[in-house]
């Protein structure tokens, strides 16, 4: 198991608690890097005893995440070897908040424009 740190990433989505089985519950966060030309996005999760660590995390929060990178090799029904990876949060700290951009209305004010200019297009 490898440990990783995602520093100053913004939370862009937070799921509700998902009860996967009797013994497994999780909350997934989608986070995106806040710096760089080619910003990467990651899906991370808090499970079971770590659910309380994301309880006060909100969309727009800029956070630093300490997590374990877990992988499991299994054979699917077709006999192919498949790897399942997860990034499991064990520590998360809020360092700020960036409000997501508000959607634009899509309306354009053309009230002062003259459309009688005989333009060929």
PDB file of N, CA and C in Angstrom:
ATOM      1  N   UNK A   1       0.851  -1.173   0.000  1.00  0.00           N
ATOM      2  CA  UNK A   1       0.000   0.000   0.000  1.00  0.00           C
ATOM      3  C   UNK A   1       0.894   1.232   0.000  1.00  0.00           C
ATOM      4  N   UNK A   2       0.615   2.145  -0.898  1.00  0.00           N
ATOM      5  CA  UNK A   2       1.390   3.379  -1.009  1.00  0.00           C
ATOM      6  C   UNK A   2       0.592   4.541  -0.429  1.00  0.00           C
ATOM      7  N   UNK A   3       1.287   5.485   0.180  1.00  0.00           N
ATOM      8  CA  UNK A   3       0.650   6.701   0.690  1.00  0.00           C
ATOM      9  C   UNK A   3       0.919   7.840  -0.280  1.00  0.00           C
ATOM     10  N   UNK A   4      -0.087   8.680  -0.471  1.00  0.00           N
ATOM     11  CA  UNK A   4       0.056   9.842  -1.342  1.00  0.00           C
ATOM     12  C   UNK A   4      -0.531  11.066  -0.654  1.00  0.00           C
ATOM     13  N   UNK A   5      -0.143  12.248  -1.148  1.00  0.00           N
ATOM     14  CA  UNK A   5      -0.737  13.487  -0.670  1.00  0.00           C
ATOM     15  C   UNK A   5      -1.167  14.300  -1.884  1.00  0.00           C
ATOM     16  N   UNK A   6      -2.418  14.742  -1.866  1.00  0.00           N
ATOM     17  CA  UNK A   6      -2.944  15.644  -2.884  1.00  0.00           C
ATOM     18  C   UNK A   6      -3.068  17.003  -2.212  1.00  0.00           C
ATOM     19  N   UNK A   7      -2.200  17.936  -2.627  1.00  0.00           N
ATOM     20  CA  UNK A   7      -2.124  19.230  -1.952  1.00  0.00           C
ATOM     21  C   UNK A   7      -2.868  20.299  -2.739  1.00  0.00           C
ATOM     22  N   UNK A   8      -3.695  21.075  -2.033  1.00  0.00           N
ATOM     23  CA  UNK A   8      -4.443  22.198  -2.604  1.00  0.00           C
ATOM     24  C   UNK A   8      -5.264  21.782  -3.821  1.00  0.00           C
ATOM     25  N   UNK A   9      -6.130  20.794  -3.622  1.00  0.00           N
ATOM     26  CA  UNK A   9      -7.082  20.387  -4.651  1.00  0.00           C
ATOM     27  C   UNK A   9      -8.463  20.895  -4.246  1.00  0.00           C
ATOM     28  N   UNK A  10      -9.272  21.216  -5.241  1.00  0.00           N
ATOM     29  CA  UNK A  10     -10.607  21.740  -4.968  1.00  0.00           C
ATOM     30  C   UNK A  10     -11.652  20.636  -5.079  1.00  0.00           C
ATOM     31  N   UNK A  11     -12.553  20.599  -4.114  1.00  0.00           N
ATOM     32  CA  UNK A  11     -13.661  19.647  -4.140  1.00  0.00           C
ATOM     33  C   UNK A  11     -14.706  20.171  -5.127  1.00  0.00           C
ATOM     34  N   UNK A  12     -14.972  19.408  -6.182  1.00  0.00           N
ATOM     35  CA  UNK A  12     -15.957  19.836  -7.181  1.00  0.00           C
ATOM     36  C   UNK A  12     -17.242  19.016  -7.105  1.00  0.00           C
ATOM     37  N   UNK A  13     -17.205  17.890  -6.394  1.00  0.00           N
ATOM     38  CA  UNK A  13     -18.418  17.087  -6.180  1.00  0.00           C
ATOM     39  C   UNK A  13     -18.234  16.256  -4.921  1.00  0.00           C
ATOM     40  N   UNK A  14     -19.324  16.097  -4.181  1.00  0.00           N
ATOM     41  CA  UNK A  14     -19.325  15.238  -2.985  1.00  0.00           C
ATOM     42  C   UNK A  14     -20.581  14.388  -3.040  1.00  0.00           C
ATOM     43  N   UNK A  15     -20.410  13.074  -2.970  1.00  0.00           N
ATOM     44  CA  UNK A  15     -21.569  12.183  -2.990  1.00  0.00           C
ATOM     45  C   UNK A  15     -22.188  12.108  -1.598  1.00  0.00           C
ATOM     46  N   UNK A  16     -23.385  11.592  -1.550  1.00  0.00           N
ATOM     47  CA  UNK A  16     -23.981  11.259  -0.257  1.00  0.00           C
ATOM     48  C   UNK A  16     -23.363   9.937   0.209  1.00  0.00           C
ATOM     49  N   UNK A  17     -23.654   9.550   1.425  1.00  0.00           N
ATOM     50  CA  UNK A  17     -23.112   8.287   1.946  1.00  0.00           C
ATOM     51  C   UNK A  17     -23.725   7.140   1.146  1.00  0.00           C
ATOM     52  N   UNK A  18     -22.861   6.270   0.627  1.00  0.00           N
ATOM     53  CA  UNK A  18     -23.295   5.099  -0.133  1.00  0.00           C
ATOM     54  C   UNK A  18     -23.091   3.855   0.727  1.00  0.00           C
ATOM     55  N   UNK A  19     -24.175   3.156   1.012  1.00  0.00           N
ATOM     56  CA  UNK A  19     -24.104   1.907   1.776  1.00  0.00           C
ATOM     57  C   UNK A  19     -23.900   0.777   0.775  1.00  0.00           C
ATOM     58  N   UNK A  20     -22.647   0.367   0.572  1.00  0.00           N
ATOM     59  CA  UNK A  20     -22.295  -0.634  -0.436  1.00  0.00           C
ATOM     60  C   UNK A  20     -22.663  -2.035   0.035  1.00  0.00           C
ATOM     61  N   UNK A  21     -22.445  -2.318   1.307  1.00  0.00           N
ATOM     62  CA  UNK A  21     -22.794  -3.613   1.896  1.00  0.00           C
ATOM     63  C   UNK A  21     -23.036  -3.391   3.382  1.00  0.00           C
ATOM     64  N   UNK A  22     -23.331  -4.478   4.096  1.00  0.00           N
ATOM     65  CA  UNK A  22     -23.549  -4.364   5.543  1.00  0.00           C
ATOM     66  C   UNK A  22     -22.314  -3.839   6.275  1.00  0.00           C
ATOM     67  N   UNK A  23     -21.138  -4.104   5.702  1.00  0.00           N
ATOM     68  CA  UNK A  23     -19.893  -3.746   6.377  1.00  0.00           C
ATOM     69  C   UNK A  23     -19.122  -2.623   5.698  1.00  0.00           C
ATOM     70  N   UNK A  24     -19.686  -2.055   4.614  1.00  0.00           N
ATOM     71  CA  UNK A  24     -18.910  -1.057   3.864  1.00  0.00           C
ATOM     72  C   UNK A  24     -19.781   0.105   3.421  1.00  0.00           C
ATOM     73  N   UNK A  25     -19.437   1.318   3.903  1.00  0.00           N
ATOM     74  CA  UNK A  25     -20.076   2.574   3.501  1.00  0.00           C
ATOM     75  C   UNK A  25     -18.987   3.524   3.041  1.00  0.00           C
ATOM     76  N   UNK A  26     -19.331   4.399   2.088  1.00  0.00           N
ATOM     77  CA  UNK A  26     -18.323   5.347   1.608  1.00  0.00           C
ATOM     78  C   UNK A  26     -18.970   6.646   1.142  1.00  0.00           C
ATOM     79  N   UNK A  27     -18.147   7.693   1.127  1.00  0.00           N
ATOM     80  CA  UNK A  27     -18.476   8.977   0.502  1.00  0.00           C
ATOM     81  C   UNK A  27     -17.372   9.238  -0.505  1.00  0.00           C
ATOM     82  N   UNK A  28     -17.759   9.573  -1.736  1.00  0.00           N
ATOM     83  CA  UNK A  28     -16.776   9.860  -2.775  1.00  0.00           C
ATOM     84  C   UNK A  28     -16.680  11.364  -2.990  1.00  0.00           C
ATOM     85  N   UNK A  29     -15.458  11.836  -3.189  1.00  0.00           N
ATOM     86  CA  UNK A  29     -15.196  13.229  -3.537  1.00  0.00           C
ATOM     87  C   UNK A  29     -14.515  13.254  -4.897  1.00  0.00           C
ATOM     88  N   UNK A  30     -14.916  14.177  -5.740  1.00  0.00           N
ATOM     89  CA  UNK A  30     -14.200  14.448  -6.980  1.00  0.00           C
ATOM     90  C   UNK A  30     -13.439  15.733  -6.740  1.00  0.00           C
ATOM     91  N   UNK A  31     -12.114  15.666  -6.865  1.00  0.00           N
ATOM     92  CA  UNK A  31     -11.262  16.827  -6.605  1.00  0.00           C
ATOM     93  C   UNK A  31     -10.437  17.136  -7.847  1.00  0.00           C
ATOM     94  N   UNK A  32     -10.106  18.427  -8.027  1.00  0.00           N
ATOM     95  CA  UNK A  32      -9.335  18.879  -9.174  1.00  0.00           C
ATOM     96  C   UNK A  32      -8.205  19.772  -8.691  1.00  0.00           C
ATOM     97  N   UNK A  33      -7.042  19.615  -9.311  1.00  0.00           N
ATOM     98  CA  UNK A  33      -5.898  20.464  -8.979  1.00  0.00           C
ATOM     99  C   UNK A  33      -6.247  21.928  -9.243  1.00  0.00           C
ATOM    100  N   UNK A  34      -5.701  22.829  -8.437  1.00  0.00           N
ATOM    101  CA  UNK A  34      -5.986  24.261  -8.577  1.00  0.00           C
ATOM    102  C   UNK A  34      -4.890  25.011  -9.318  1.00  0.00           C
ATOM    103  N   UNK A  35      -3.787  24.346  -9.622  1.00  0.00           N
ATOM    104  CA  UNK A  35      -2.656  24.982 -10.297  1.00  0.00           C
ATOM    105  C   UNK A  35      -2.277  24.194 -11.539  1.00  0.00           C
ATOM    106  N   UNK A  36      -1.639  24.883 -12.501  1.00  0.00           N
ATOM    107  CA  UNK A  36      -1.087  24.198 -13.661  1.00  0.00           C
ATOM    108  C   UNK A  36      -1.927  24.334 -14.910  1.00  0.00           C
ATOM    109  N   UNK A  37      -1.292  24.108 -16.045  1.00  0.00           N
ATOM    110  CA  UNK A  37      -1.965  24.201 -17.332  1.00  0.00           C
ATOM    111  C   UNK A  37      -2.834  22.986 -17.628  1.00  0.00           C
ATOM    112  N   UNK A  38      -2.454  21.826 -17.125  1.00  0.00           N
ATOM    113  CA  UNK A  38      -3.175  20.578 -17.391  1.00  0.00           C
ATOM    114  C   UNK A  38      -3.623  19.985 -16.061  1.00  0.00           C
ATOM    115  N   UNK A  39      -4.655  20.596 -15.490  1.00  0.00           N
ATOM    116  CA  UNK A  39      -5.124  20.206 -14.162  1.00  0.00           C
ATOM    117  C   UNK A  39      -5.748  18.813 -14.194  1.00  0.00           C
ATOM    118  N   UNK A  40      -5.327  17.997 -13.253  1.00  0.00           N
ATOM    119  CA  UNK A  40      -5.805  16.630 -13.158  1.00  0.00           C
ATOM    120  C   UNK A  40      -6.963  16.555 -12.161  1.00  0.00           C
ATOM    121  N   UNK A  41      -7.843  15.604 -12.367  1.00  0.00           N
ATOM    122  CA  UNK A  41      -8.955  15.345 -11.454  1.00  0.00           C
ATOM    123  C   UNK A  41      -8.833  13.929 -10.915  1.00  0.00           C
ATOM    124  N   UNK A  42      -9.292  13.755  -9.676  1.00  0.00           N
ATOM    125  CA  UNK A  42      -9.177  12.470  -9.003  1.00  0.00           C
ATOM    126  C   UNK A  42     -10.470  12.171  -8.249  1.00  0.00           C
ATOM    127  N   UNK A  43     -10.866  10.903  -8.231  1.00  0.00           N
ATOM    128  CA  UNK A  43     -11.965  10.467  -7.381  1.00  0.00           C
ATOM    129  C   UNK A  43     -11.341   9.797  -6.166  1.00  0.00           C
ATOM    130  N   UNK A  44     -11.655  10.324  -4.994  1.00  0.00           N
ATOM    131  CA  UNK A  44     -11.140   9.783  -3.740  1.00  0.00           C
ATOM    132  C   UNK A  44     -12.330   9.383  -2.879  1.00  0.00           C
ATOM    133  N   UNK A  45     -12.072   8.553  -1.886  1.00  0.00           N
ATOM    134  CA  UNK A  45     -13.179   8.123  -1.044  1.00  0.00           C
ATOM    135  C   UNK A  45     -12.770   8.071   0.411  1.00  0.00           C
ATOM    136  N   UNK A  46     -13.768   8.302   1.262  1.00  0.00           N
ATOM    137  CA  UNK A  46     -13.629   8.069   2.695  1.00  0.00           C
ATOM    138  C   UNK A  46     -14.592   6.936   3.013  1.00  0.00           C
ATOM    139  N   UNK A  47     -14.102   5.924   3.709  1.00  0.00           N
ATOM    140  CA  UNK A  47     -14.919   4.741   3.973  1.00  0.00           C
ATOM    141  C   UNK A  47     -14.959   4.421   5.458  1.00  0.00           C
ATOM    142  N   UNK A  48     -16.077   3.846   5.847  1.00  0.00           N
ATOM    143  CA  UNK A  48     -16.304   3.309   7.190  1.00  0.00           C
ATOM    144  C   UNK A  48     -15.861   4.253   8.293  1.00  0.00           C
ATOM    145  N   UNK A  49     -14.787   3.944   9.012  1.00  0.00           N
ATOM    146  CA  UNK A  49     -14.372   4.740  10.176  1.00  0.00           C
ATOM    147  C   UNK A  49     -13.889   6.135   9.788  1.00  0.00           C
ATOM    148  N   UNK A  50     -13.629   6.389   8.506  1.00  0.00           N
ATOM    149  CA  UNK A  50     -13.151   7.702   8.067  1.00  0.00           C
ATOM    150  C   UNK A  50     -14.257   8.600   7.502  1.00  0.00           C
ATOM    151  N   UNK A  51     -15.513   8.148   7.543  1.00  0.00           N
ATOM    152  CA  UNK A  51     -16.621   8.957   7.024  1.00  0.00           C
ATOM    153  C   UNK A  51     -16.730  10.306   7.733  1.00  0.00           C
ATOM    154  N   UNK A  52     -16.481  10.327   9.030  1.00  0.00           N
ATOM    155  CA  UNK A  52     -16.595  11.571   9.787  1.00  0.00           C
ATOM    156  C   UNK A  52     -15.564  12.614   9.350  1.00  0.00           C
ATOM    157  N   UNK A  53     -14.483  12.200   8.725  1.00  0.00           N
ATOM    158  CA  UNK A  53     -13.439  13.137   8.306  1.00  0.00           C
ATOM    159  C   UNK A  53     -13.871  14.008   7.133  1.00  0.00           C
ATOM    160  N   UNK A  54     -14.892  13.584   6.386  1.00  0.00           N
ATOM    161  CA  UNK A  54     -15.375  14.378   5.254  1.00  0.00           C
ATOM    162  C   UNK A  54     -16.744  14.997   5.530  1.00  0.00           C
ATOM    163  N   UNK A  55     -17.264  14.818   6.740  1.00  0.00           N
ATOM    164  CA  UNK A  55     -18.607  15.307   7.073  1.00  0.00           C
ATOM    165  C   UNK A  55     -18.744  16.818   6.865  1.00  0.00           C
ATOM    166  N   UNK A  56     -17.714  17.589   7.191  1.00  0.00           N
ATOM    167  CA  UNK A  56     -17.788  19.051   7.078  1.00  0.00           C
ATOM    168  C   UNK A  56     -17.095  19.590   5.832  1.00  0.00           C
ATOM    169  N   UNK A  57     -16.792  18.728   4.884  1.00  0.00           N
ATOM    170  CA  UNK A  57     -16.176  19.138   3.629  1.00  0.00           C
ATOM    171  C   UNK A  57     -17.296  19.509   2.653  1.00  0.00           C
ATOM    172  N   UNK A  58     -17.112  20.639   1.959  1.00  0.00           N
ATOM    173  CA  UNK A  58     -18.138  21.129   1.034  1.00  0.00           C
ATOM    174  C   UNK A  58     -17.559  21.341  -0.355  1.00  0.00           C
ATOM    175  N   UNK A  59     -18.441  21.329  -1.354  1.00  0.00           N
ATOM    176  CA  UNK A  59     -18.035  21.673  -2.716  1.00  0.00           C
ATOM    177  C   UNK A  59     -17.480  23.088  -2.699  1.00  0.00           C
ATOM    178  N   UNK A  60     -16.344  23.287  -3.339  1.00  0.00           N
ATOM    179  CA  UNK A  60     -15.667  24.585  -3.349  1.00  0.00           C
ATOM    180  C   UNK A  60     -14.496  24.656  -2.400  1.00  0.00           C
ATOM    181  N   UNK A  61     -14.468  23.771  -1.396  1.00  0.00           N
ATOM    182  CA  UNK A  61     -13.352  23.761  -0.452  1.00  0.00           C
ATOM    183  C   UNK A  61     -12.058  23.369  -1.161  1.00  0.00           C
ATOM    184  N   UNK A  62     -10.982  24.051  -0.804  1.00  0.00           N
ATOM    185  CA  UNK A  62      -9.643  23.670  -1.251  1.00  0.00           C
ATOM    186  C   UNK A  62      -9.022  22.906  -0.087  1.00  0.00           C
ATOM    187  N   UNK A  63      -8.573  21.685  -0.367  1.00  0.00           N
ATOM    188  CA  UNK A  63      -8.142  20.778   0.699  1.00  0.00           C
ATOM    189  C   UNK A  63      -6.796  20.148   0.378  1.00  0.00           C
ATOM    190  N   UNK A  64      -6.160  19.643   1.428  1.00  0.00           N
ATOM    191  CA  UNK A  64      -5.005  18.770   1.289  1.00  0.00           C
ATOM    192  C   UNK A  64      -5.422  17.414   1.828  1.00  0.00           C
ATOM    193  N   UNK A  65      -5.214  16.382   1.008  1.00  0.00           N
ATOM    194  CA  UNK A  65      -5.657  15.035   1.338  1.00  0.00           C
ATOM    195  C   UNK A  65      -4.443  14.125   1.503  1.00  0.00           C
ATOM    196  N   UNK A  66      -4.401  13.412   2.616  1.00  0.00           N
ATOM    197  CA  UNK A  66      -3.446  12.317   2.798  1.00  0.00           C
ATOM    198  C   UNK A  66      -4.245  11.035   2.632  1.00  0.00           C
ATOM    199  N   UNK A  67      -3.750  10.140   1.788  1.00  0.00           N
ATOM    200  CA  UNK A  67      -4.530   8.951   1.453  1.00  0.00           C
ATOM    201  C   UNK A  67      -3.622   7.770   1.157  1.00  0.00           C
ATOM    202  N   UNK A  68      -4.232   6.611   1.173  1.00  0.00           N
ATOM    203  CA  UNK A  68      -3.567   5.383   0.748  1.00  0.00           C
ATOM    204  C   UNK A  68      -4.057   5.026  -0.640  1.00  0.00           C
ATOM    205  N   UNK A  69      -3.134   4.625  -1.484  1.00  0.00           N
ATOM    206  CA  UNK A  69      -3.477   4.133  -2.811  1.00  0.00           C
ATOM    207  C   UNK A  69      -3.559   2.614  -2.699  1.00  0.00           C
ATOM    208  N   UNK A  70      -4.755   2.095  -2.884  1.00  0.00           N
ATOM    209  CA  UNK A  70      -4.977   0.657  -2.751  1.00  0.00           C
ATOM    210  C   UNK A  70      -5.299   0.055  -4.108  1.00  0.00           C
ATOM    211  N   UNK A  71      -4.858  -1.152  -4.328  1.00  0.00           N
ATOM    212  CA  UNK A  71      -5.158  -1.863  -5.564  1.00  0.00           C
ATOM    213  C   UNK A  71      -5.399  -3.328  -5.290  1.00  0.00           C
ATOM    214  N   UNK A  72      -6.342  -3.891  -6.018  1.00  0.00           N
ATOM    215  CA  UNK A  72      -6.649  -5.302  -5.842  1.00  0.00           C
ATOM    216  C   UNK A  72      -6.764  -5.949  -7.208  1.00  0.00           C
ATOM    217  N   UNK A  73      -6.053  -7.026  -7.395  1.00  0.00           N
ATOM    218  CA  UNK A  73      -6.084  -7.788  -8.633  1.00  0.00           C
ATOM    219  C   UNK A  73      -7.124  -8.897  -8.499  1.00  0.00           C
ATOM    220  N   UNK A  74      -7.997  -9.003  -9.493  1.00  0.00           N
ATOM    221  CA  UNK A  74      -8.955 -10.105  -9.483  1.00  0.00           C
ATOM    222  C   UNK A  74      -9.210 -10.558 -10.911  1.00  0.00           C
ATOM    223  N   UNK A  75      -9.836 -11.706 -11.038  1.00  0.00           N
ATOM    224  CA  UNK A  75     -10.173 -12.256 -12.340  1.00  0.00           C
ATOM    225  C   UNK A  75     -11.670 -12.114 -12.551  1.00  0.00           C
ATOM    226  N   UNK A  76     -12.070 -11.450 -13.660  1.00  0.00           N
ATOM    227  CA  UNK A  76     -13.495 -11.248 -13.920  1.00  0.00           C
ATOM    228  C   UNK A  76     -14.130 -12.507 -14.508  1.00  0.00           C
ATOM    229  N   UNK A  77     -15.423 -12.440 -14.823  1.00  0.00           N
ATOM    230  CA  UNK A  77     -16.167 -13.598 -15.329  1.00  0.00           C
ATOM    231  C   UNK A  77     -15.650 -14.092 -16.675  1.00  0.00           C
ATOM    232  N   UNK A  78     -14.995 -13.212 -17.427  1.00  0.00           N
ATOM    233  CA  UNK A  78     -14.435 -13.596 -18.727  1.00  0.00           C
ATOM    234  C   UNK A  78     -13.032 -14.194 -18.598  1.00  0.00           C
ATOM    235  N   UNK A  79     -12.532 -14.291 -17.362  1.00  0.00           N
ATOM    236  CA  UNK A  79     -11.218 -14.861 -17.129  1.00  0.00           C
ATOM    237  C   UNK A  79     -10.082 -13.868 -17.285  1.00  0.00           C
ATOM    238  N   UNK A  80     -10.414 -12.583 -17.439  1.00  0.00           N
ATOM    239  CA  UNK A  80      -9.385 -11.548 -17.602  1.00  0.00           C
ATOM    240  C   UNK A  80      -8.945 -11.032 -16.239  1.00  0.00           C
ATOM    241  N   UNK A  81      -7.658 -10.751 -16.126  1.00  0.00           N
ATOM    242  CA  UNK A  81      -7.141 -10.142 -14.903  1.00  0.00           C
ATOM    243  C   UNK A  81      -7.439  -8.647 -14.947  1.00  0.00           C
ATOM    244  N   UNK A  82      -8.018  -8.136 -13.855  1.00  0.00           N
ATOM    245  CA  UNK A  82      -8.435  -6.746 -13.760  1.00  0.00           C
ATOM    246  C   UNK A  82      -7.907  -6.191 -12.440  1.00  0.00           C
ATOM    247  N   UNK A  83      -7.519  -4.924 -12.441  1.00  0.00           N
ATOM    248  CA  UNK A  83      -7.068  -4.269 -11.221  1.00  0.00           C
ATOM    249  C   UNK A  83      -8.091  -3.203 -10.827  1.00  0.00           C
ATOM    250  N   UNK A  84      -8.490  -3.222  -9.578  1.00  0.00           N
ATOM    251  CA  UNK A  84      -9.363  -2.204  -9.007  1.00  0.00           C
ATOM    252  C   UNK A  84      -8.496  -1.317  -8.123  1.00  0.00           C
ATOM    253  N   UNK A  85      -8.499  -0.002  -8.372  1.00  0.00           N
ATOM    254  CA  UNK A  85      -7.734   0.950  -7.570  1.00  0.00           C
ATOM    255  C   UNK A  85      -8.682   1.871  -6.815  1.00  0.00           C
ATOM    256  N   UNK A  86      -8.257   2.282  -5.633  1.00  0.00           N
ATOM    257  CA  UNK A  86      -8.998   3.297  -4.882  1.00  0.00           C
ATOM    258  C   UNK A  86      -7.993   4.183  -4.157  1.00  0.00           C
ATOM    259  N   UNK A  87      -8.395   5.437  -3.969  1.00  0.00           N
ATOM    260  CA  UNK A  87      -7.612   6.392  -3.187  1.00  0.00           C
ATOM    261  C   UNK A  87      -8.418   6.640  -1.921  1.00  0.00           C
ATOM    262  N   UNK A  88      -7.942   6.094  -0.796  1.00  0.00           N
ATOM    263  CA  UNK A  88      -8.692   6.093   0.454  1.00  0.00           C
ATOM    264  C   UNK A  88      -8.157   7.151   1.424  1.00  0.00           C
ATOM    265  N   UNK A  89      -8.999   8.120   1.730  1.00  0.00           N
ATOM    266  CA  UNK A  89      -8.632   9.239   2.610  1.00  0.00           C
ATOM    267  C   UNK A  89      -8.445   8.752   4.044  1.00  0.00           C
ATOM    268  N   UNK A  90      -7.347   9.196   4.666  1.00  0.00           N
ATOM    269  CA  UNK A  90      -7.185   8.978   6.099  1.00  0.00           C
ATOM    270  C   UNK A  90      -6.984  10.305   6.834  1.00  0.00           C
ATOM    271  N   UNK A  91      -6.744  11.387   6.075  1.00  0.00           N
ATOM    272  CA  UNK A  91      -6.639  12.724   6.674  1.00  0.00           C
ATOM    273  C   UNK A  91      -7.005  13.736   5.600  1.00  0.00           C
ATOM    274  N   UNK A  92      -7.779  14.763   5.995  1.00  0.00           N
ATOM    275  CA  UNK A  92      -8.142  15.823   5.059  1.00  0.00           C
ATOM    276  C   UNK A  92      -8.220  17.137   5.826  1.00  0.00           C
ATOM    277  N   UNK A  93      -7.601  18.184   5.259  1.00  0.00           N
ATOM    278  CA  UNK A  93      -7.580  19.498   5.893  1.00  0.00           C
ATOM    279  C   UNK A  93      -8.035  20.547   4.890  1.00  0.00           C
ATOM    280  N   UNK A  94      -8.940  21.424   5.318  1.00  0.00           N
ATOM    281  CA  UNK A  94      -9.397  22.527   4.472  1.00  0.00           C
ATOM    282  C   UNK A  94      -8.389  23.654   4.571  1.00  0.00           C
ATOM    283  N   UNK A  95      -7.966  24.171   3.402  1.00  0.00           N
ATOM    284  CA  UNK A  95      -7.020  25.288   3.394  1.00  0.00           C
ATOM    285  C   UNK A  95      -7.635  26.543   2.783  1.00  0.00           C
ATOM    286  N   UNK A  96      -8.860  26.456   2.281  1.00  0.00           N
ATOM    287  CA  UNK A  96      -9.529  27.616   1.705  1.00  0.00           C
ATOM    288  C   UNK A  96     -10.804  27.192   1.011  1.00  0.00           C
ATOM    289  N   UNK A  97     -11.387  28.153   0.274  1.00  0.00           N
ATOM    290  CA  UNK A  97     -12.619  27.870  -0.461  1.00  0.00           C
ATOM    291  C   UNK A  97     -12.635  28.722  -1.710  1.00  0.00           C
ATOM    292  N   UNK A  98     -12.966  28.110  -2.823  1.00  0.00           N
ATOM    293  CA  UNK A  98     -13.156  28.816  -4.085  1.00  0.00           C
ATOM    294  C   UNK A  98     -14.580  28.522  -4.521  1.00  0.00           C
ATOM    295  N   UNK A  99     -15.381  29.540  -4.651  1.00  0.00           N
ATOM    296  CA  UNK A  99     -16.751  29.319  -5.076  1.00  0.00           C
ATOM    297  C   UNK A  99     -16.781  28.902  -6.535  1.00  0.00           C
ATOM    298  N   UNK A 100     -17.550  27.855  -6.865  1.00  0.00           N
ATOM    299  CA  UNK A 100     -17.645  27.453  -8.262  1.00  0.00           C
ATOM    300  C   UNK A 100     -18.290  28.557  -9.085  1.00  0.00           C
ATOM    301  N   UNK A 101     -17.911  28.704 -10.365  1.00  0.00           N
ATOM    302  CA  UNK A 101     -18.498  29.754 -11.186  1.00  0.00           C
ATOM    303  C   UNK A 101     -19.995  29.548 -11.340  1.00  0.00           C
ATOM    304  N   UNK A 102     -20.727  30.655 -11.337  1.00  0.00           N
ATOM    305  CA  UNK A 102     -22.164  30.607 -11.522  1.00  0.00           C
ATOM    306  C   UNK A 102     -22.479  30.473 -13.002  1.00  0.00           C
ATOM    307  N   UNK A 103     -23.457  29.628 -13.351  1.00  0.00           N
ATOM    308  CA  UNK A 103     -23.799  29.502 -14.768  1.00  0.00           C
ATOM    309  C   UNK A 103     -24.370  30.805 -15.308  1.00  0.00           C
ATOM    310  N   UNK A 104     -24.012  31.121 -16.544  1.00  0.00           N
ATOM    311  CA  UNK A 104     -24.514  32.333 -17.179  1.00  0.00           C
ATOM    312  C   UNK A 104     -25.914  32.068 -17.697  1.00  0.00           C
ATOM    313  N   UNK A 105     -26.708  33.132 -17.788  1.00  0.00           N
ATOM    314  CA  UNK A 105     -28.103  32.973 -18.187  1.00  0.00           C
ATOM    315  C   UNK A 105     -28.235  32.629 -19.662  1.00  0.00           C
ATOM    316  N   UNK A 106     -27.238  32.955 -20.476  1.00  0.00           N
ATOM    317  CA  UNK A 106     -27.315  32.673 -21.902  1.00  0.00           C
ATOM    318  C   UNK A 106     -28.060  33.750 -22.674  1.00  0.00           C
ATOM    319  N   UNK A 107     -28.538  34.781 -21.989  1.00  0.00           N
ATOM    320  CA  UNK A 107     -29.273  35.858 -22.640  1.00  0.00           C
ATOM    321  C   UNK A 107     -28.314  36.967 -23.048  1.00  0.00           C
ATOM    322  N   UNK A 108     -28.526  37.511 -24.239  1.00  0.00           N
ATOM    323  CA  UNK A 108     -27.713  38.610 -24.752  1.00  0.00           C
ATOM    324  C   UNK A 108     -28.628  39.794 -24.982  1.00  0.00           C
ATOM    325  N   UNK A 109     -28.228  40.977 -24.520  1.00  0.00           N
ATOM    326  CA  UNK A 109     -29.027  42.180 -24.701  1.00  0.00           C
ATOM    327  C   UNK A 109     -28.743  42.768 -26.075  1.00  0.00           C
ATOM    328  N   UNK A 110     -29.703  42.692 -26.966  1.00  0.00           N
ATOM    329  CA  UNK A 110     -29.571  43.225 -28.322  1.00  0.00           C
ATOM    330  C   UNK A 110     -30.499  44.405 -28.542  1.00  0.00           C
ATOM    331  N   UNK A 111     -30.979  45.026 -27.493  1.00  0.00           N
ATOM    332  CA  UNK A 111     -31.985  46.085 -27.611  1.00  0.00           C
ATOM    333  C   UNK A 111     -31.469  47.320 -28.347  1.00  0.00           C
ATOM    334  N   UNK A 112     -30.185  47.609 -28.298  1.00  0.00           N
ATOM    335  CA  UNK A 112     -29.656  48.795 -28.966  1.00  0.00           C
ATOM    336  C   UNK A 112     -29.051  48.518 -30.333  1.00  0.00           C
ATOM    337  N   UNK A 113     -29.229  47.332 -30.873  1.00  0.00           N
ATOM    338  CA  UNK A 113     -28.590  46.945 -32.120  1.00  0.00           C
ATOM    339  C   UNK A 113     -29.524  47.178 -33.310  1.00  0.00           C
ATOM    340  N   UNK A 114     -28.973  47.721 -34.430  1.00  0.00           N
ATOM    341  CA  UNK A 114     -29.730  47.954 -35.645  1.00  0.00           C
ATOM    342  C   UNK A 114     -29.522  46.778 -36.598  1.00  0.00           C
ATOM    343  N   UNK A 115     -30.579  46.064 -36.900  1.00  0.00           N
ATOM    344  CA  UNK A 115     -30.483  44.892 -37.775  1.00  0.00           C
ATOM    345  C   UNK A 115     -30.754  45.222 -39.231  1.00  0.00           C
ATOM    346  N   UNK A 116     -30.945  46.502 -39.583  1.00  0.00           N
ATOM    347  CA  UNK A 116     -31.232  46.909 -40.962  1.00  0.00           C
ATOM    348  C   UNK A 116     -29.986  47.422 -41.660  1.00  0.00           C
ATOM    349  N   UNK A 117     -28.864  46.712 -41.580  1.00  0.00           N
ATOM    350  CA  UNK A 117     -27.617  47.201 -42.166  1.00  0.00           C
ATOM    351  C   UNK A 117     -27.256  46.513 -43.482  1.00  0.00           C
ATOM    352  N   UNK A 118     -28.139  45.712 -44.069  1.00  0.00           N
ATOM    353  CA  UNK A 118     -27.942  45.029 -45.347  1.00  0.00           C
ATOM    354  C   UNK A 118     -26.674  44.172 -45.391  1.00  0.00           C
ATOM    355  N   UNK A 119     -26.295  43.588 -44.293  1.00  0.00           N
ATOM    356  CA  UNK A 119     -25.138  42.697 -44.287  1.00  0.00           C
ATOM    357  C   UNK A 119     -25.465  41.412 -45.048  1.00  0.00           C
ATOM    358  N   UNK A 120     -24.523  40.905 -45.869  1.00  0.00           N
ATOM    359  CA  UNK A 120     -24.813  39.716 -46.662  1.00  0.00           C
ATOM    360  C   UNK A 120     -24.804  38.409 -45.868  1.00  0.00           C
ATOM    361  N   UNK A 121     -24.626  38.458 -44.588  1.00  0.00           N
ATOM    362  CA  UNK A 121     -24.616  37.225 -43.796  1.00  0.00           C
ATOM    363  C   UNK A 121     -25.510  37.354 -42.599  1.00  0.00           C
TER     364      UNK A 121
END
